[in-house]
C-alpha atoms as a PDB file:
ATOM      1  CA  MET A   1      15.655  -4.350  -9.544  1.00  0.00           C
ATOM      2  CA  THR A   2      17.628  -4.838  -6.344  1.00  0.00           C
ATOM      3  CA  ALA A   3      16.394  -5.136  -2.798  1.00  0.00           C
ATOM      4  CA  LYS A   4      17.988  -1.815  -1.955  1.00  0.00           C
ATOM      5  CA  MET A   5      16.382  -0.124  -4.949  1.00  0.00           C
ATOM      6  CA  PHE A   6      12.897  -1.272  -3.997  1.00  0.00           C
ATOM      7  CA  ARG A   7      13.363  -0.016  -0.463  1.00  0.00           C
ATOM      8  CA  LEU A   8      14.506   3.293  -1.903  1.00  0.00           C
ATOM      9  CA  VAL A   9      11.541   3.495  -4.252  1.00  0.00           C
ATOM     10  CA  LEU A  10       8.906   2.951  -1.583  1.00  0.00           C
ATOM     11  CA  THR A  11      10.595   4.822   1.225  1.00  0.00           C
ATOM     12  CA  GLY A  12      11.496   7.679  -1.096  1.00  0.00           C
ATOM     13  CA  ALA A  13       7.829   8.431  -1.677  1.00  0.00           C
ATOM     14  CA  ALA A  14       7.183   8.731   2.037  1.00  0.00           C
ATOM     15  CA  SER A  15      10.313  10.812   2.549  1.00  0.00           C
ATOM     16  CA  ALA A  16       9.244  13.238  -0.147  1.00  0.00           C
ATOM     17  CA  LEU A  17       5.867  13.612   1.540  1.00  0.00           C
ATOM     18  CA  LEU A  18       7.569  14.352   4.820  1.00  0.00           C
ATOM     19  CA  LEU A  19       9.793  16.928   3.149  1.00  0.00           C
ATOM     20  CA  ALA A  20       6.823  18.555   1.488  1.00  0.00           C
ATOM     21  CA  GLY A  21       4.965  18.569   4.766  1.00  0.00           C
ATOM     22  CA  CYS A  22       7.594  20.836   6.273  1.00  0.00           C
ATOM     23  CA  ALA A  23       6.453  23.717   4.074  1.00  0.00           C
ATOM     24  CA  SER A  24       4.421  26.440   5.740  1.00  0.00           C
ATOM     25  CA  ASN A  25       1.754  26.407   3.018  1.00  0.00           C
ATOM     26  CA  PRO A  26      -0.088  23.312   1.798  1.00  0.00           C
ATOM     27  CA  SER A  27       0.468  22.150  -1.765  1.00  0.00           C
ATOM     28  CA  ASP A  28      -1.959  23.434  -4.359  1.00  0.00           C
ATOM     29  CA  SER A  29      -2.709  19.806  -5.199  1.00  0.00           C
ATOM     30  CA  ALA A  30      -4.872  19.519  -2.078  1.00  0.00           C
ATOM     31  CA  LEU A  31      -8.616  19.716  -2.536  1.00  0.00           C
ATOM     32  CA  SER A  32     -10.069  22.863  -1.037  1.00  0.00           C
ATOM     33  CA  PRO A  33     -13.575  22.811   0.457  1.00  0.00           C
ATOM     34  CA  GLY A  34     -15.029  24.444  -2.660  1.00  0.00           C
ATOM     35  CA  ASP A  35     -13.463  22.085  -5.162  1.00  0.00           C
ATOM     36  CA  PRO A  36     -15.716  19.577  -6.928  1.00  0.00           C
ATOM     37  CA  ALA A  37     -14.855  16.154  -5.566  1.00  0.00           C
ATOM     38  CA  PRO A  38     -14.039  13.546  -8.215  1.00  0.00           C
ATOM     39  CA  THR A  39     -15.517  10.152  -7.523  1.00  0.00           C
ATOM     40  CA  ALA A  40     -14.762   6.545  -8.416  1.00  0.00           C
ATOM     41  CA  ALA A  41     -17.122   3.591  -8.402  1.00  0.00           C
ATOM     42  CA  THR A  42     -17.791   1.931  -5.072  1.00  0.00           C
ATOM     43  CA  SER A  43     -16.358  -1.553  -4.768  1.00  0.00           C
ATOM     44  CA  ALA A  44     -17.683  -3.451  -1.760  1.00  0.00           C
ATOM     45  CA  VAL A  45     -18.751  -6.972  -2.718  1.00  0.00           C
ATOM     46  CA  ASP A  46     -20.479  -9.819  -0.936  1.00  0.00           C
ATOM     47  CA  CYS A  47     -17.860 -11.405   1.313  1.00  0.00           C
ATOM     48  CA  GLU A  48     -19.231 -14.924   0.919  1.00  0.00           C
ATOM     49  CA  ALA A  49     -18.814 -14.777  -2.854  1.00  0.00           C
ATOM     50  CA  PHE A  50     -15.473 -13.072  -2.354  1.00  0.00           C
ATOM     51  CA  ALA A  51     -14.254 -15.907  -0.122  1.00  0.00           C
ATOM     52  CA  LYS A  52     -15.115 -18.477  -2.806  1.00  0.00           C
ATOM     53  CA  ARG A  53     -13.207 -16.520  -5.458  1.00  0.00           C
ATOM     54  CA  MET A  54     -10.208 -16.138  -3.180  1.00  0.00           C
ATOM     55  CA  ALA A  55     -10.250 -19.860  -2.350  1.00  0.00           C
ATOM     56  CA  ALA A  56     -10.165 -20.629  -6.072  1.00  0.00           C
ATOM     57  CA  TYR A  57      -7.366 -18.082  -6.519  1.00  0.00           C
ATOM     58  CA  ALA A  58      -5.331 -19.648  -3.691  1.00  0.00           C
ATOM     59  CA  ALA A  59      -5.787 -23.129  -5.157  1.00  0.00           C
ATOM     60  CA  ALA A  60      -4.716 -21.928  -8.621  1.00  0.00           C
ATOM     61  CA  GLN A  61      -1.692 -20.196  -7.138  1.00  0.00           C
ATOM     62  CA  LYS A  62      -0.715 -23.342  -5.265  1.00  0.00           C
ATOM     63  CA  ASP A  63      -1.016 -25.413  -8.441  1.00  0.00           C
ATOM     64  CA  ALA A  64       1.063 -22.904 -10.389  1.00  0.00           C
ATOM     65  CA  GLU A  65       3.802 -22.987  -7.781  1.00  0.00           C
ATOM     66  CA  ALA A  66       3.970 -26.766  -8.119  1.00  0.00           C
ATOM     67  CA  GLY A  67       4.327 -26.627 -11.914  1.00  0.00           C
ATOM     68  CA  PRO A  68       7.691 -27.702 -13.364  1.00  0.00           C
ATOM     69  CA  SER A  69       8.134 -24.559 -15.485  1.00  0.00           C
ATOM     70  CA  SER A  70       6.942 -22.036 -12.947  1.00  0.00           C
ATOM     71  CA  ASP A  71       8.903 -19.817 -10.617  1.00  0.00           C
ATOM     72  CA  PRO A  72       7.692 -21.145  -7.251  1.00  0.00           C
ATOM     73  CA  LEU A  73       6.730 -18.560  -4.696  1.00  0.00           C
ATOM     74  CA  ALA A  74       8.514 -20.466  -1.973  1.00  0.00           C
ATOM     75  CA  ALA A  75      11.766 -20.386  -3.921  1.00  0.00           C
ATOM     76  CA  ALA A  76      11.288 -16.714  -4.685  1.00  0.00           C
ATOM     77  CA  ASN A  77      10.730 -16.000  -1.002  1.00  0.00           C
ATOM     78  CA  THR A  78      13.895 -17.893  -0.130  1.00  0.00           C
ATOM     79  CA  ARG A  79      15.878 -15.854  -2.622  1.00  0.00           C
ATOM     80  CA  ALA A  80      14.319 -12.699  -1.240  1.00  0.00           C
ATOM     81  CA  ALA A  81      15.340 -13.589   2.301  1.00  0.00           C
ATOM     82  CA  GLU A  82      18.874 -14.422   1.192  1.00  0.00           C
ATOM     83  CA  ALA A  83      19.111 -11.184  -0.735  1.00  0.00           C
ATOM     84  CA  GLU A  84      17.918  -9.151   2.223  1.00  0.00           C
ATOM     85  CA  ALA A  85      20.847 -10.221   4.375  1.00  0.00           C
ATOM     86  CA  GLY A  86      24.384 -11.161   3.417  1.00  0.00           C
ATOM     87  CA  ASP A  87      26.784 -13.268   5.449  1.00  0.00           C
ATOM     88  CA  ASP A  88      27.453 -10.294   7.716  1.00  0.00           C
ATOM     89  CA  GLY A  89      23.761  -9.605   8.244  1.00  0.00           C
ATOM     90  CA  GLU A  90      23.899  -6.384   6.247  1.00  0.00           C
ATOM     91  CA  PRO A  91      21.522  -5.801   3.305  1.00  0.00           C
ATOM     92  CA  ALA A  92      22.898  -7.094   0.024  1.00  0.00           C
ATOM     93  CA  ASP A  93      22.608  -4.739  -2.943  1.00  0.00           C
ATOM     94  CA  ALA A  94      22.907  -7.025  -5.932  1.00  0.00           C
ATOM     95  CA  ALA A  95      20.327  -9.793  -5.559  1.00  0.00           C
ATOM     96  CA  PRO A  96      16.770  -9.265  -6.871  1.00  0.00           C
ATOM     97  CA  VAL A  97      13.906  -9.734  -4.428  1.00  0.00           C
ATOM     98  CA  THR A  98      10.940  -9.095  -6.695  1.00  0.00           C
ATOM     99  CA  LEU A  99       8.095 -11.624  -6.669  1.00  0.00           C
ATOM    100  CA  ALA A 100       5.793 -12.670  -9.472  1.00  0.00           C
ATOM    101  CA  THR A 101       2.684 -12.885  -7.250  1.00  0.00           C
ATOM    102  CA  LEU A 102       1.427 -11.458  -3.980  1.00  0.00           C
ATOM    103  CA  PRO A 103       1.915 -13.989  -1.165  1.00  0.00           C
ATOM    104  CA  LEU A 104      -1.362 -14.700   0.622  1.00  0.00           C
ATOM    105  CA  PHE A 105      -1.506 -14.069   4.358  1.00  0.00           C
ATOM    106  CA  SER A 106      -3.729 -17.098   4.870  1.00  0.00           C
ATOM    107  CA  VAL A 107      -0.988 -19.544   3.822  1.00  0.00           C
ATOM    108  CA  SER A 108       1.762 -18.054   5.973  1.00  0.00           C
ATOM    109  CA  PRO A 109       3.102 -20.480   8.583  1.00  0.00           C
ATOM    110  CA  ARG A 110       1.520 -20.113  11.996  1.00  0.00           C
ATOM    111  CA  GLY A 111       3.752 -18.448  14.525  1.00  0.00           C
ATOM    112  CA  ASP A 112       5.631 -16.263  12.022  1.00  0.00           C
ATOM    113  CA  GLN A 113       5.786 -12.624  13.048  1.00  0.00           C
ATOM    114  CA  LEU A 114       5.349 -11.317   9.502  1.00  0.00           C
ATOM    115  CA  PRO A 115       3.699 -12.909   6.459  1.00  0.00           C
ATOM    116  CA  VAL A 116       5.990 -14.747   4.071  1.00  0.00           C
ATOM    117  CA  GLY A 117       7.268 -12.549   1.253  1.00  0.00           C
ATOM    118  CA  TRP A 118       6.127  -9.221   2.762  1.00  0.00           C
ATOM    119  CA  GLN A 119       8.847  -6.774   3.771  1.00  0.00           C
ATOM    120  CA  PRO A 120       8.792  -4.004   6.394  1.00  0.00           C
ATOM    121  CA  TRP A 121       8.440  -0.492   5.010  1.00  0.00           C
ATOM    122  CA  THR A 122       9.940   2.150   7.317  1.00  0.00           C
ATOM    123  CA  ILE A 123       8.745   5.651   6.480  1.00  0.00           C
ATOM    124  CA  ASN A 124      11.168   7.502   8.714  1.00  0.00           C
ATOM    125  CA  ARG A 125      13.543   6.240  11.383  1.00  0.00           C
ATOM    126  CA  ASN A 126      12.344   9.003  13.681  1.00  0.00           C
ATOM    127  CA  LYS A 127       8.775   7.730  13.581  1.00  0.00           C
ATOM    128  CA  ILE A 128       7.393   4.976  15.785  1.00  0.00           C
ATOM    129  CA  PRO A 129       6.653   1.926  13.611  1.00  0.00           C
ATOM    130  CA  THR A 130       3.190   0.424  13.541  1.00  0.00           C
ATOM    131  CA  ARG A 131       3.108  -3.133  14.914  1.00  0.00           C
ATOM    132  CA  TYR A 132       2.207  -5.875  12.453  1.00  0.00           C
ATOM    133  CA  SER A 133       1.804  -9.553  13.279  1.00  0.00           C
ATOM    134  CA  LEU A 134       0.028 -12.631  11.991  1.00  0.00           C
ATOM    135  CA  ALA A 135      -3.107 -13.585  13.892  1.00  0.00           C
ATOM    136  CA  GLU A 136      -5.942 -16.067  13.500  1.00  0.00           C
ATOM    137  CA  VAL A 137      -9.204 -14.135  13.407  1.00  0.00           C
ATOM    138  CA  ASP A 138     -12.589 -15.535  12.397  1.00  0.00           C
ATOM    139  CA  GLN A 139     -10.948 -18.837  11.429  1.00  0.00           C
ATOM    140  CA  ARG A 140      -8.478 -17.262   9.019  1.00  0.00           C
ATOM    141  CA  VAL A 141      -4.871 -16.076   9.232  1.00  0.00           C
ATOM    142  CA  VAL A 142      -4.672 -12.311   8.761  1.00  0.00           C
ATOM    143  CA  VAL A 143      -2.302  -9.439   9.469  1.00  0.00           C
ATOM    144  CA  HIS A 144      -3.091  -7.594  12.698  1.00  0.00           C
ATOM    145  CA  ALA A 145      -2.056  -3.910  12.696  1.00  0.00           C
ATOM    146  CA  GLN A 146      -1.761  -1.824  15.872  1.00  0.00           C
ATOM    147  CA  ALA A 147      -0.844   1.850  15.577  1.00  0.00           C
ATOM    148  CA  ASP A 148      -0.183   4.264  18.434  1.00  0.00           C
ATOM    149  CA  SER A 149       1.013   7.641  17.088  1.00  0.00           C
ATOM    150  CA  SER A 150       2.942   5.532  14.608  1.00  0.00           C
ATOM    151  CA  ALA A 151       3.464   4.967  10.893  1.00  0.00           C
ATOM    152  CA  SER A 152       5.021   2.140   8.904  1.00  0.00           C
ATOM    153  CA  GLY A 153       3.869  -0.554   6.532  1.00  0.00           C
ATOM    154  CA  LEU A 154       4.507  -3.835   4.751  1.00  0.00           C
ATOM    155  CA  TYR A 155       5.035  -4.235   1.011  1.00  0.00           C
ATOM    156  CA  VAL A 156       5.862  -6.683  -1.756  1.00  0.00           C
ATOM    157  CA  PRO A 157       8.133  -5.591  -4.636  1.00  0.00           C
ATOM    158  CA  LEU A 158       6.752  -7.145  -7.806  1.00  0.00           C
ATOM    159  CA  ARG A 159       8.152  -7.960 -11.182  1.00  0.00           C
ATOM    160  CA  ASP A 160       6.488  -5.490 -13.518  1.00  0.00           C
ATOM    161  CA  ARG A 161       2.814  -6.426 -13.570  1.00  0.00           C
ATOM    162  CA  ASP A 162      -0.081  -5.165 -15.651  1.00  0.00           C
ATOM    163  CA  ALA A 163      -2.706  -3.124 -13.839  1.00  0.00           C
ATOM    164  CA  GLY A 164      -5.418  -5.745 -13.484  1.00  0.00           C
ATOM    165  CA  THR A 165      -8.014  -6.527 -10.821  1.00  0.00           C
ATOM    166  CA  LEU A 166      -7.108  -5.986  -7.177  1.00  0.00           C
ATOM    167  CA  ARG A 167      -9.034  -7.939  -4.528  1.00  0.00           C
ATOM    168  CA  TRP A 168      -8.762  -7.745  -0.756  1.00  0.00           C
ATOM    169  CA  THR A 169     -10.596  -7.885   2.541  1.00  0.00           C
ATOM    170  CA  TRP A 170     -10.034  -5.810   5.672  1.00  0.00           C
ATOM    171  CA  LYS A 171     -11.555  -4.780   8.994  1.00  0.00           C
ATOM    172  CA  THR A 172     -11.049  -1.978  11.532  1.00  0.00           C
ATOM    173  CA  SER A 173     -12.233  -1.469  15.085  1.00  0.00           C
ATOM    174  CA  GLY A 174     -13.043   2.181  14.351  1.00  0.00           C
ATOM    175  CA  ILE A 175     -12.125   5.322  12.449  1.00  0.00           C
ATOM    176  CA  ILE A 176      -9.672   8.071  13.362  1.00  0.00           C
ATOM    177  CA  ARG A 177     -12.236  10.747  14.137  1.00  0.00           C
ATOM    178  CA  ASN A 178     -10.039  13.814  13.677  1.00  0.00           C
ATOM    179  CA  ALA A 179      -8.334  12.544  10.518  1.00  0.00           C
ATOM    180  CA  ASP A 180      -8.771  14.321   7.177  1.00  0.00           C
ATOM    181  CA  ASN A 181      -6.796  12.860   4.288  1.00  0.00           C
ATOM    182  CA  SER A 182      -6.770  16.134   2.360  1.00  0.00           C
ATOM    183  CA  VAL A 183      -5.034  17.982   5.223  1.00  0.00           C
ATOM    184  CA  GLY A 184      -1.364  17.236   5.906  1.00  0.00           C
ATOM    185  CA  PRO A 185      -1.375  17.464   9.729  1.00  0.00           C
ATOM    186  CA  ARG A 186      -4.381  15.087   9.881  1.00  0.00           C
ATOM    187  CA  GLU A 187      -3.542  12.709   7.026  1.00  0.00           C
ATOM    188  CA  ASP A 188      -3.938   9.325   8.748  1.00  0.00           C
ATOM    189  CA  SER A 189      -5.963   6.176   8.092  1.00  0.00           C
ATOM    190  CA  PRO A 190      -6.666   2.943   9.991  1.00  0.00           C
ATOM    191  CA  LEU A 191      -6.400   1.000   6.718  1.00  0.00           C
ATOM    192  CA  ARG A 192      -4.514   1.680   3.501  1.00  0.00           C
ATOM    193  CA  LEU A 193      -3.672  -0.495   0.541  1.00  0.00           C
ATOM    194  CA  PHE A 194      -1.250   1.142  -1.882  1.00  0.00           C
ATOM    195  CA  VAL A 195      -0.125   0.280  -5.389  1.00  0.00           C
ATOM    196  CA  ALA A 196       3.069   1.786  -6.854  1.00  0.00           C
ATOM    197  CA  PHE A 197       3.343   2.313 -10.606  1.00  0.00           C
ATOM    198  CA  ASP A 198       6.234   2.850 -12.994  1.00  0.00           C
ATOM    199  CA  GLY A 199       6.119   5.554 -15.663  1.00  0.00           C
ATOM    200  CA  ASP A 200       7.976   8.216 -17.654  1.00  0.00           C
ATOM    201  CA  LYS A 201       9.188  10.706 -15.066  1.00  0.00           C
ATOM    202  CA  GLY A 202      10.512  12.922 -17.855  1.00  0.00           C
ATOM    203  CA  ALA A 203       6.912  13.677 -18.813  1.00  0.00           C
ATOM    204  CA  LEU A 204       6.068  15.080 -15.374  1.00  0.00           C
ATOM    205  CA  SER A 205       5.595  18.776 -14.707  1.00  0.00           C
ATOM    206  CA  LEU A 206       8.618  20.850 -13.756  1.00  0.00           C
ATOM    207  CA  LYS A 207       7.232  21.131 -10.230  1.00  0.00           C
ATOM    208  CA  ASP A 208       7.007  17.356  -9.831  1.00  0.00           C
ATOM    209  CA  GLN A 209      10.435  16.792 -11.370  1.00  0.00           C
ATOM    210  CA  LEU A 210      11.937  19.277  -8.920  1.00  0.00           C
ATOM    211  CA  MET A 211      10.234  17.482  -6.041  1.00  0.00           C
ATOM    212  CA  TYR A 212      11.578  14.134  -7.261  1.00  0.00           C
ATOM    213  CA  GLU A 213      15.051  15.582  -7.566  1.00  0.00           C
ATOM    214  CA  MET A 214      14.837  17.158  -4.114  1.00  0.00           C
ATOM    215  CA  ALA A 215      13.862  13.790  -2.646  1.00  0.00           C
ATOM    216  CA  ARG A 216      16.694  12.050  -4.482  1.00  0.00           C
ATOM    217  CA  LEU A 217      19.328  14.588  -3.433  1.00  0.00           C
ATOM    218  CA  THR A 218      18.117  14.827   0.143  1.00  0.00           C
ATOM    219  CA  THR A 219      17.482  11.154   0.841  1.00  0.00           C
ATOM    220  CA  GLY A 220      19.300   9.336  -1.959  1.00  0.00           C
ATOM    221  CA  ARG A 221      16.011   7.618  -2.779  1.00  0.00           C
ATOM    222  CA  GLU A 222      13.873   7.422  -5.892  1.00  0.00           C
ATOM    223  CA  MET A 223      10.106   7.895  -5.794  1.00  0.00           C
ATOM    224  CA  PRO A 224       7.733   5.721  -7.834  1.00  0.00           C
ATOM    225  CA  TYR A 225       6.178   7.492 -10.788  1.00  0.00           C
ATOM    226  CA  ALA A 226       2.737   7.371  -9.170  1.00  0.00           C
ATOM    227  CA  THR A 227       1.025   5.760  -6.190  1.00  0.00           C
ATOM    228  CA  LEU A 228      -2.652   4.868  -5.892  1.00  0.00           C
ATOM    229  CA  MET A 229      -4.005   4.269  -2.394  1.00  0.00           C
ATOM    230  CA  TYR A 230      -7.258   2.734  -1.245  1.00  0.00           C
ATOM    231  CA  ILE A 231      -8.226   3.932   2.230  1.00  0.00           C
ATOM    232  CA  TRP A 232     -10.833   3.683   4.961  1.00  0.00           C
ATOM    233  CA  GLY A 233     -11.754   7.327   5.486  1.00  0.00           C
ATOM    234  CA  GLY A 234     -13.411   9.142   8.301  1.00  0.00           C
ATOM    235  CA  ARG A 235     -14.958  12.175   6.603  1.00  0.00           C
ATOM    236  CA  ARG A 236     -15.131  11.627   2.852  1.00  0.00           C
ATOM    237  CA  ALA A 237     -17.876   9.660   1.138  1.00  0.00           C
ATOM    238  CA  GLU A 238     -17.158   6.254  -0.342  1.00  0.00           C
ATOM    239  CA  GLY A 239     -15.917   6.648  -3.894  1.00  0.00           C
ATOM    240  CA  SER A 240     -14.240  10.010  -3.231  1.00  0.00           C
ATOM    241  CA  VAL A 241     -10.896  10.579  -4.926  1.00  0.00           C
ATOM    242  CA  VAL A 242      -8.604  12.576  -2.636  1.00  0.00           C
ATOM    243  CA  LYS A 243      -5.387  14.238  -3.743  1.00  0.00           C
ATOM    244  CA  ASN A 244      -2.510  13.920  -1.332  1.00  0.00           C
ATOM    245  CA  PRO A 245      -1.969  17.299   0.378  1.00  0.00           C
ATOM    246  CA  HIS A 246       1.774  17.249  -0.351  1.00  0.00           C
ATOM    247  CA  THR A 247       2.267  15.725  -3.796  1.00  0.00           C
ATOM    248  CA  ASP A 248       0.177  15.300  -6.899  1.00  0.00           C
ATOM    249  CA  ARG A 249       1.768  11.898  -7.544  1.00  0.00           C
ATOM    250  CA  VAL A 250      -0.226  10.183  -4.791  1.00  0.00           C
ATOM    251  CA  ARG A 251      -4.001   9.858  -5.068  1.00  0.00           C
ATOM    252  CA  MET A 252      -6.352   8.166  -2.608  1.00  0.00           C
ATOM    253  CA  ILE A 253      -9.716   6.505  -3.226  1.00  0.00           C
ATOM    254  CA  VAL A 254     -12.053   6.133  -0.253  1.00  0.00           C
ATOM    255  CA  VAL A 255     -13.538   2.636  -0.436  1.00  0.00           C
ATOM    256  CA  ASP A 256     -14.936   2.507   3.111  1.00  0.00           C
ATOM    257  CA  SER A 257     -15.895   5.419   5.321  1.00  0.00           C
ATOM    258  CA  GLY A 258     -17.193   6.135   8.787  1.00  0.00           C
ATOM    259  CA  THR A 259     -18.168   3.732  11.545  1.00  0.00           C
ATOM    260  CA  LYS A 260     -21.178   2.028   9.923  1.00  0.00           C
ATOM    261  CA  HIS A 261     -19.127  -1.055   9.026  1.00  0.00           C
ATOM    262  CA  ALA A 262     -16.619  -0.950  11.896  1.00  0.00           C
ATOM    263  CA  ASN A 263     -15.721  -4.400  13.239  1.00  0.00           C
ATOM    264  CA  GLU A 264     -17.038  -5.992  10.027  1.00  0.00           C
ATOM    265  CA  TRP A 265     -15.023  -7.629   7.286  1.00  0.00           C
ATOM    266  CA  ARG A 266     -15.294  -5.557   4.111  1.00  0.00           C
ATOM    267  CA  CYS A 267     -14.430  -7.162   0.792  1.00  0.00           C
ATOM    268  CA  HIS A 268     -13.402  -5.201  -2.291  1.00  0.00           C
ATOM    269  CA  GLU A 269     -12.644  -5.723  -5.968  1.00  0.00           C
ATOM    270  CA  ARG A 270     -11.107  -2.849  -7.938  1.00  0.00           C
ATOM    271  CA  ASP A 271     -10.208  -2.333 -11.575  1.00  0.00           C
ATOM    272  CA  LEU A 272      -6.761  -0.753 -11.219  1.00  0.00           C
ATOM    273  CA  ARG A 273      -6.713   0.584 -14.752  1.00  0.00           C
ATOM    274  CA  ALA A 274     -10.088   2.313 -14.386  1.00  0.00           C
ATOM    275  CA  ASP A 275      -9.190   3.699 -10.961  1.00  0.00           C
ATOM    276  CA  TYR A 276      -5.848   5.014 -12.190  1.00  0.00           C
ATOM    277  CA  ARG A 277      -7.562   6.786 -15.089  1.00  0.00           C
ATOM    278  CA  LYS A 278     -10.079   8.294 -12.686  1.00  0.00           C
ATOM    279  CA  ALA A 279      -7.381   9.443 -10.272  1.00  0.00           C
ATOM    280  CA  PHE A 280      -4.644  10.579 -12.674  1.00  0.00           C
ATOM    281  CA  GLY A 281      -6.441  11.054 -15.984  1.00  0.00           C
ATOM    282  CA  THR A 282      -4.099   8.760 -17.945  1.00  0.00           C
ATOM    283  CA  ASP A 283      -3.422   5.073 -18.438  1.00  0.00           C
ATOM    284  CA  PRO A 284      -1.246   3.393 -15.784  1.00  0.00           C
ATOM    285  CA  GLY A 285       2.238   2.010 -16.227  1.00  0.00           C
ATOM    286  CA  ARG A 286       3.338  -1.308 -14.819  1.00  0.00           C
ATOM    287  CA  VAL A 287       2.691  -2.200 -11.189  1.00  0.00           C
ATOM    288  CA  ILE A 288       5.991  -2.431  -9.309  1.00  0.00           C
ATOM    289  CA  ALA A 289       4.844  -2.896  -5.699  1.00  0.00           C
ATOM    290  CA  VAL A 290       1.804  -3.424  -3.475  1.00  0.00           C
ATOM    291  CA  GLY A 291       1.680  -2.637   0.220  1.00  0.00           C
ATOM    292  CA  ILE A 292      -0.416  -1.962   3.308  1.00  0.00           C
ATOM    293  CA  MET A 293      -0.167   0.695   5.975  1.00  0.00           C
ATOM    294  CA  THR A 294      -1.975   1.685   9.158  1.00  0.00           C
ATOM    295  CA  ASP A 295      -0.834   5.115  10.392  1.00  0.00           C
ATOM    296  CA  THR A 296      -1.786   7.464  13.209  1.00  0.00           C
ATOM    297  CA  ASP A 297       1.374   9.569  13.482  1.00  0.00           C
ATOM    298  CA  ASN A 298      -0.132  12.876  12.358  1.00  0.00           C
ATOM    299  CA  THR A 299      -3.216  12.758  14.591  1.00  0.00           C
ATOM    300  CA  ARG A 300      -1.355  11.203  17.539  1.00  0.00           C
ATOM    301  CA  SER A 301      -4.107   8.636  17.896  1.00  0.00           C
ATOM    302  CA  ARG A 302      -4.564   4.863  18.046  1.00  0.00           C
ATOM    303  CA  ALA A 303      -5.974   2.380  15.567  1.00  0.00           C
ATOM    304  CA  GLU A 304      -6.424  -1.376  15.419  1.00  0.00           C
ATOM    305  CA  SER A 305      -7.101  -3.077  12.103  1.00  0.00           C
ATOM    306  CA  TRP A 306      -6.848  -6.387  10.269  1.00  0.00           C
ATOM    307  CA  TYR A 307      -5.858  -7.171   6.663  1.00  0.00           C
ATOM    308  CA  GLY A 308      -7.013 -10.342   4.949  1.00  0.00           C
ATOM    309  CA  ASP A 309      -5.713 -11.838   1.733  1.00  0.00           C
ATOM    310  CA  ILE A 310      -4.830  -9.534  -1.175  1.00  0.00           C
ATOM    311  CA  ALA A 311      -4.757 -10.744  -4.777  1.00  0.00           C
ATOM    312  CA  LEU A 312      -3.694  -9.081  -8.031  1.00  0.00           C
ATOM    313  CA  ASP A 313      -5.015 -10.736 -11.203  1.00  0.00           C
END
């Protein structure tokens, strides 16, 4: 899939949400106060054990990249950079930019503004972008996110991957107190990790197909079949599954909530297949992208957060 196509896929989802948000009535996919709240298993793990597993993962990834028959991440990143800009500096449409693995933040060269292999994800040109930069925090290189009434993200387009185990660590300075992820005008989060899945769009409901077509005709962009988000919530209990207030094709799982663990590193391991079944009621398709986002555009607030390494096994 081309660089342009992956930008269209990810940005198309956000554009469709913005379009849906213009309606005067919320979507019936939103959870009302009386609805029973579905729940998923909690996932926080001991960060010391997590760090050892991630160190082993990083070492294995480094060894794989050095193998003679492998597709080295460094080479893939070079091709991605070349594909993103032609000789005239304009995006090139034909070259693939998909990666086989998620680049680790901790191995990105010091001084780089963005982590190697991660691409900016602009939700809407009219929105202020969140600021992302590499920073050394607690003796590790992480991504520092600063949002001020803003919304944007970073993502990695992947060669079709099975839905395996997702591991990551993150930290926030505090919650967005007036945010509520089931209500469109207050749907913000200091930390999000999203996974985009492929699937048979022809099997979707007529309502969803019309929404997809509206997004395509209006923006020229395709939406992913489904998107699963892990978020740090402010009101919902950990393990809550929250339907996006605008589209049934995006579901959120609250893995951290409230201020109890603010300013602490939280480490998580999730079974993507089990979470997808819990959220959507079916088996997942292939994973086509993974990304992060810190957004405060709806609540007009501020947030400061940090993302550590993310791994997909």
